[in-house]
PDB file of N, CA and C in Angstrom:
ATOM      1  N   UNK A   1       1.772  16.774  -3.158  1.00  0.00           N
ATOM      2  CA  UNK A   1       2.440  16.030  -4.456  1.00  0.00           C
ATOM      3  C   UNK A   1       3.548  15.095  -3.744  1.00  0.00           C
ATOM      4  N   UNK A   2       4.306  15.190  -2.781  1.00  0.00           N
ATOM      5  CA  UNK A   2       5.433  14.080  -2.530  1.00  0.00           C
ATOM      6  C   UNK A   2       4.228  13.310  -1.493  1.00  0.00           C
ATOM      7  N   UNK A   3       3.187  13.872  -0.568  1.00  0.00           N
ATOM      8  CA  UNK A   3       2.617  12.806   0.222  1.00  0.00           C
ATOM      9  C   UNK A   3       1.613  12.211  -0.765  1.00  0.00           C
ATOM     10  N   UNK A   4       1.488  12.499  -1.418  1.00  0.00           N
ATOM     11  CA  UNK A   4       0.449  11.708  -2.600  1.00  0.00           C
ATOM     12  C   UNK A   4       1.010  10.610  -3.037  1.00  0.00           C
ATOM     13  N   UNK A   5       2.253  10.701  -3.502  1.00  0.00           N
ATOM     14  CA  UNK A   5       3.022   9.568  -4.071  1.00  0.00           C
ATOM     15  C   UNK A   5       3.712   9.019  -2.824  1.00  0.00           C
ATOM     16  N   UNK A   6       3.972   9.462  -1.671  1.00  0.00           N
ATOM     17  CA  UNK A   6       4.294   8.338  -0.491  1.00  0.00           C
ATOM     18  C   UNK A   6       3.224   7.648  -0.300  1.00  0.00           C
ATOM     19  N   UNK A   7       2.397   8.298  -0.156  1.00  0.00           N
ATOM     20  CA  UNK A   7       0.664   7.437   0.426  1.00  0.00           C
ATOM     21  C   UNK A   7       0.207   6.439  -0.861  1.00  0.00           C
ATOM     22  N   UNK A   8       0.393   6.735  -1.779  1.00  0.00           N
ATOM     23  CA  UNK A   8       0.124   5.896  -2.938  1.00  0.00           C
ATOM     24  C   UNK A   8       1.120   4.574  -2.812  1.00  0.00           C
ATOM     25  N   UNK A   9       2.828   4.880  -2.861  1.00  0.00           N
ATOM     26  CA  UNK A   9       3.415   3.997  -2.855  1.00  0.00           C
ATOM     27  C   UNK A   9       3.408   3.156  -1.293  1.00  0.00           C
ATOM     28  N   UNK A  10       2.936   3.636  -0.099  1.00  0.00           N
ATOM     29  CA  UNK A  10       2.702   2.686   0.775  1.00  0.00           C
ATOM     30  C   UNK A  10       1.665   1.704   0.795  1.00  0.00           C
ATOM     31  N   UNK A  11       0.210   2.269  -0.165  1.00  0.00           N
ATOM     32  CA  UNK A  11      -0.477   1.780  -0.080  1.00  0.00           C
ATOM     33  C   UNK A  11      -0.202   0.333  -1.319  1.00  0.00           C
ATOM     34  N   UNK A  12       0.214   0.620  -2.383  1.00  0.00           N
ATOM     35  CA  UNK A  12       0.676  -0.398  -3.280  1.00  0.00           C
ATOM     36  C   UNK A  12       1.792  -1.451  -2.429  1.00  0.00           C
ATOM     37  N   UNK A  13       2.257  -0.559  -1.583  1.00  0.00           N
ATOM     38  CA  UNK A  13       3.595  -1.774  -1.232  1.00  0.00           C
ATOM     39  C   UNK A  13       3.113  -2.767  -0.311  1.00  0.00           C
ATOM     40  N   UNK A  14       1.854  -2.385   0.608  1.00  0.00           N
ATOM     41  CA  UNK A  14       0.955  -3.015   1.534  1.00  0.00           C
ATOM     42  C   UNK A  14       0.366  -4.148   1.080  1.00  0.00           C
ATOM     43  N   UNK A  15      -0.323  -3.615  -0.217  1.00  0.00           N
ATOM     44  CA  UNK A  15      -0.942  -4.649  -0.871  1.00  0.00           C
ATOM     45  C   UNK A  15      -0.609  -5.719  -1.630  1.00  0.00           C
ATOM     46  N   UNK A  16       1.101  -5.312  -2.175  1.00  0.00           N
ATOM     47  CA  UNK A  16       1.799  -6.526  -2.893  1.00  0.00           C
ATOM     48  C   UNK A  16       2.608  -6.980  -1.677  1.00  0.00           C
ATOM     49  N   UNK A  17       2.707  -6.392  -0.624  1.00  0.00           N
ATOM     50  CA  UNK A  17       3.454  -7.157   0.519  1.00  0.00           C
ATOM     51  C   UNK A  17       2.636  -8.510   1.152  1.00  0.00           C
ATOM     52  N   UNK A  18       1.704  -8.214   1.525  1.00  0.00           N
ATOM     53  CA  UNK A  18       0.925  -9.451   1.745  1.00  0.00           C
ATOM     54  C   UNK A  18      -0.120  -9.893   0.916  1.00  0.00           C
ATOM     55  N   UNK A  19      -0.152 -10.287  -0.103  1.00  0.00           N
ATOM     56  CA  UNK A  19      -1.304 -10.213  -1.357  1.00  0.00           C
ATOM     57  C   UNK A  19      -2.373 -11.771  -0.803  1.00  0.00           C
ATOM     58  N   UNK A  20      -1.576 -12.409   0.009  1.00  0.00           N
ATOM     59  CA  UNK A  20      -2.132 -13.931   0.405  1.00  0.00           C
ATOM     60  C   UNK A  20      -3.057 -13.389   1.638  1.00  0.00           C
ATOM     61  N   UNK A  21      -2.749 -12.577   2.732  1.00  0.00           N
ATOM     62  CA  UNK A  21      -3.759 -12.233   3.528  1.00  0.00           C
ATOM     63  C   UNK A  21      -4.915 -11.299   3.016  1.00  0.00           C
ATOM     64  N   UNK A  22      -5.911 -11.373   3.998  1.00  0.00           N
ATOM     65  CA  UNK A  22      -7.231 -10.988   3.489  1.00  0.00           C
ATOM     66  C   UNK A  22      -7.079  -9.135   3.586  1.00  0.00           C
ATOM     67  N   UNK A  23      -7.870  -8.248   3.411  1.00  0.00           N
ATOM     68  CA  UNK A  23      -7.586  -7.274   3.333  1.00  0.00           C
ATOM     69  C   UNK A  23      -7.696  -6.407   4.772  1.00  0.00           C
ATOM     70  N   UNK A  24      -6.621  -5.811   5.117  1.00  0.00           N
ATOM     71  CA  UNK A  24      -6.578  -5.264   6.610  1.00  0.00           C
ATOM     72  C   UNK A  24      -6.170  -4.002   6.261  1.00  0.00           C
ATOM     73  N   UNK A  25      -6.947  -3.033   6.924  1.00  0.00           N
ATOM     74  CA  UNK A  25      -6.555  -1.453   7.069  1.00  0.00           C
ATOM     75  C   UNK A  25      -6.200  -1.208   8.265  1.00  0.00           C
TER      76      UNK A  25
END
């Protein structure tokens, strides 16, 4: 449960952190 929230938060943060850059995994 907590891990899911952390992973989801990190994913969203990464997406909104650099929206101008192309998708990089």
